[in-house]
C-alpha atoms as a PDB file:
ATOM      1  CA  MET A   1       2.578 -58.842  14.727  1.00  0.00           C
ATOM      2  CA  THR A   2       2.515 -59.212  18.383  1.00  0.00           C
ATOM      3  CA  VAL A   3       0.494 -57.918  21.015  1.00  0.00           C
ATOM      4  CA  GLU A   4       2.975 -55.026  21.120  1.00  0.00           C
ATOM      5  CA  THR A   5       2.994 -54.214  17.709  1.00  0.00           C
ATOM      6  CA  ALA A   6      -0.878 -53.946  17.848  1.00  0.00           C
ATOM      7  CA  THR A   7      -0.558 -51.662  20.493  1.00  0.00           C
ATOM      8  CA  ARG A   8       0.858 -49.330  18.147  1.00  0.00           C
ATOM      9  CA  SER A   9      -1.572 -49.845  15.162  1.00  0.00           C
ATOM     10  CA  SER A  10      -5.219 -49.052  15.341  1.00  0.00           C
ATOM     11  CA  MET A  11      -7.514 -52.211  16.126  1.00  0.00           C
ATOM     12  CA  TYR A  12     -10.984 -52.136  17.113  1.00  0.00           C
ATOM     13  CA  CYS A  13     -13.410 -54.674  18.193  1.00  0.00           C
ATOM     14  CA  ARG A  14     -15.756 -56.037  15.151  1.00  0.00           C
ATOM     15  CA  ARG A  15     -18.683 -56.458  17.622  1.00  0.00           C
ATOM     16  CA  CYS A  16     -18.031 -53.745  19.745  1.00  0.00           C
ATOM     17  CA  ARG A  17     -16.022 -51.124  18.375  1.00  0.00           C
ATOM     18  CA  GLN A  18     -14.127 -51.196  21.577  1.00  0.00           C
ATOM     19  CA  ASP A  19      -9.886 -49.844  21.351  1.00  0.00           C
ATOM     20  CA  LEU A  20      -7.926 -53.474  21.298  1.00  0.00           C
ATOM     21  CA  ALA A  21      -4.825 -51.410  21.618  1.00  0.00           C
ATOM     22  CA  GLY A  22      -2.454 -52.566  24.826  1.00  0.00           C
ATOM     23  CA  LEU A  23      -4.397 -55.674  25.670  1.00  0.00           C
ATOM     24  CA  SER A  24      -2.386 -58.645  27.400  1.00  0.00           C
ATOM     25  CA  GLU A  25      -4.586 -61.102  25.463  1.00  0.00           C
ATOM     26  CA  HIS A  26      -6.473 -61.780  22.358  1.00  0.00           C
ATOM     27  CA  ARG A  27      -9.679 -60.969  23.353  1.00  0.00           C
ATOM     28  CA  CYS A  28     -11.744 -57.679  23.513  1.00  0.00           C
ATOM     29  CA  SER A  29     -12.243 -56.604  27.227  1.00  0.00           C
ATOM     30  CA  THR A  30     -15.675 -55.227  26.835  1.00  0.00           C
ATOM     31  CA  CYS A  31     -17.265 -57.949  24.944  1.00  0.00           C
ATOM     32  CA  GLY A  32     -14.870 -61.104  25.036  1.00  0.00           C
ATOM     33  CA  ALA A  33     -15.040 -61.404  21.008  1.00  0.00           C
ATOM     34  CA  ARG A  34     -11.515 -62.963  20.128  1.00  0.00           C
ATOM     35  CA  PHE A  35      -9.137 -61.347  17.623  1.00  0.00           C
ATOM     36  CA  ASN A  36      -5.538 -62.282  16.062  1.00  0.00           C
ATOM     37  CA  PRO A  37      -3.421 -59.559  15.535  1.00  0.00           C
ATOM     38  CA  ASN A  38      -1.982 -61.386  12.247  1.00  0.00           C
ATOM     39  CA  ASN A  39      -5.587 -61.655  11.084  1.00  0.00           C
ATOM     40  CA  ALA A  40      -7.046 -58.328   9.911  1.00  0.00           C
ATOM     41  CA  ARG A  41     -10.531 -59.897   9.244  1.00  0.00           C
ATOM     42  CA  THR A  42     -10.817 -60.426  13.198  1.00  0.00           C
ATOM     43  CA  TYR A  43     -10.680 -56.898  13.941  1.00  0.00           C
ATOM     44  CA  ARG A  44     -11.347 -53.378  12.523  1.00  0.00           C
ATOM     45  CA  ARG A  45      -8.961 -51.025  11.364  1.00  0.00           C
ATOM     46  CA  LEU A  46     -11.102 -48.140  11.974  1.00  0.00           C
ATOM     47  CA  PRO A  47     -14.063 -47.709  14.373  1.00  0.00           C
ATOM     48  CA  ARG A  48     -17.608 -48.121  12.481  1.00  0.00           C
ATOM     49  CA  ARG A  49     -18.800 -44.341  12.443  1.00  0.00           C
ATOM     50  CA  ARG A  50     -22.609 -44.089  13.593  1.00  0.00           C
ATOM     51  CA  VAL A  51     -25.428 -42.530  12.090  1.00  0.00           C
ATOM     52  CA  GLY A  52     -26.625 -39.701  14.908  1.00  0.00           C
ATOM     53  CA  ALA A  53     -29.952 -38.806  15.185  1.00  0.00           C
ATOM     54  CA  VAL A  54     -28.513 -35.257  13.911  1.00  0.00           C
ATOM     55  CA  GLU A  55     -28.185 -37.038  10.413  1.00  0.00           C
ATOM     56  CA  ILE A  56     -31.136 -38.919  10.087  1.00  0.00           C
ATOM     57  CA  ILE A  57     -33.418 -35.671  11.369  1.00  0.00           C
ATOM     58  CA  SER A  58     -31.889 -33.739   9.090  1.00  0.00           C
ATOM     59  CA  LEU A  59     -32.078 -36.091   6.178  1.00  0.00           C
ATOM     60  CA  LEU A  60     -35.939 -36.101   7.045  1.00  0.00           C
ATOM     61  CA  LEU A  61     -36.601 -32.568   7.167  1.00  0.00           C
ATOM     62  CA  VAL A  62     -34.389 -32.662   3.527  1.00  0.00           C
ATOM     63  CA  LEU A  63     -36.672 -34.763   2.043  1.00  0.00           C
ATOM     64  CA  LEU A  64     -40.075 -33.435   3.748  1.00  0.00           C
ATOM     65  CA  GLY A  65     -38.884 -29.850   2.088  1.00  0.00           C
ATOM     66  CA  ALA A  66     -38.281 -31.641  -1.268  1.00  0.00           C
ATOM     67  CA  ALA A  67     -42.045 -33.408  -1.080  1.00  0.00           C
ATOM     68  CA  GLY A  68     -43.457 -29.787  -0.192  1.00  0.00           C
ATOM     69  CA  TRP A  69     -41.429 -27.953  -2.967  1.00  0.00           C
ATOM     70  CA  LEU A  70     -43.055 -30.622  -5.639  1.00  0.00           C
ATOM     71  CA  HIS A  71     -46.481 -30.476  -4.352  1.00  0.00           C
ATOM     72  CA  TYR A  72     -46.537 -26.309  -3.928  1.00  0.00           C
ATOM     73  CA  SER A  73     -44.666 -26.206  -7.389  1.00  0.00           C
ATOM     74  CA  GLY A  74     -46.996 -28.677  -8.957  1.00  0.00           C
ATOM     75  CA  TRP A  75     -44.860 -31.189 -10.026  1.00  0.00           C
ATOM     76  CA  LEU A  76     -46.617 -33.948  -8.080  1.00  0.00           C
ATOM     77  CA  THR A  77     -50.298 -32.868 -10.011  1.00  0.00           C
ATOM     78  CA  ALA A  78     -48.428 -32.812 -13.043  1.00  0.00           C
ATOM     79  CA  LEU A  79     -46.663 -36.600 -12.575  1.00  0.00           C
ATOM     80  CA  PHE A  80     -49.823 -38.252 -11.027  1.00  0.00           C
ATOM     81  CA  GLY A  81     -52.543 -35.977 -11.472  1.00  0.00           C
ATOM     82  CA  PRO A  82     -55.310 -34.079  -9.023  1.00  0.00           C
END
């Protein structure tokens, strides 16, 4: 795969997730990490999804709601005592 072929495929930097398409050399323009278009271990095919604050807050609310339900329904007292 050449650099021209790499522009048509999905290649992202393993270090900073920058899109590597269209680069004239095999080095990330953001962080400077080297990549080899012929070696898929040197780049990512898809950008890594970041876990956002909304997902973390939603998970915490669900866990707190479940803990409250367990407390008020008597399950915690039944399992662990008063």
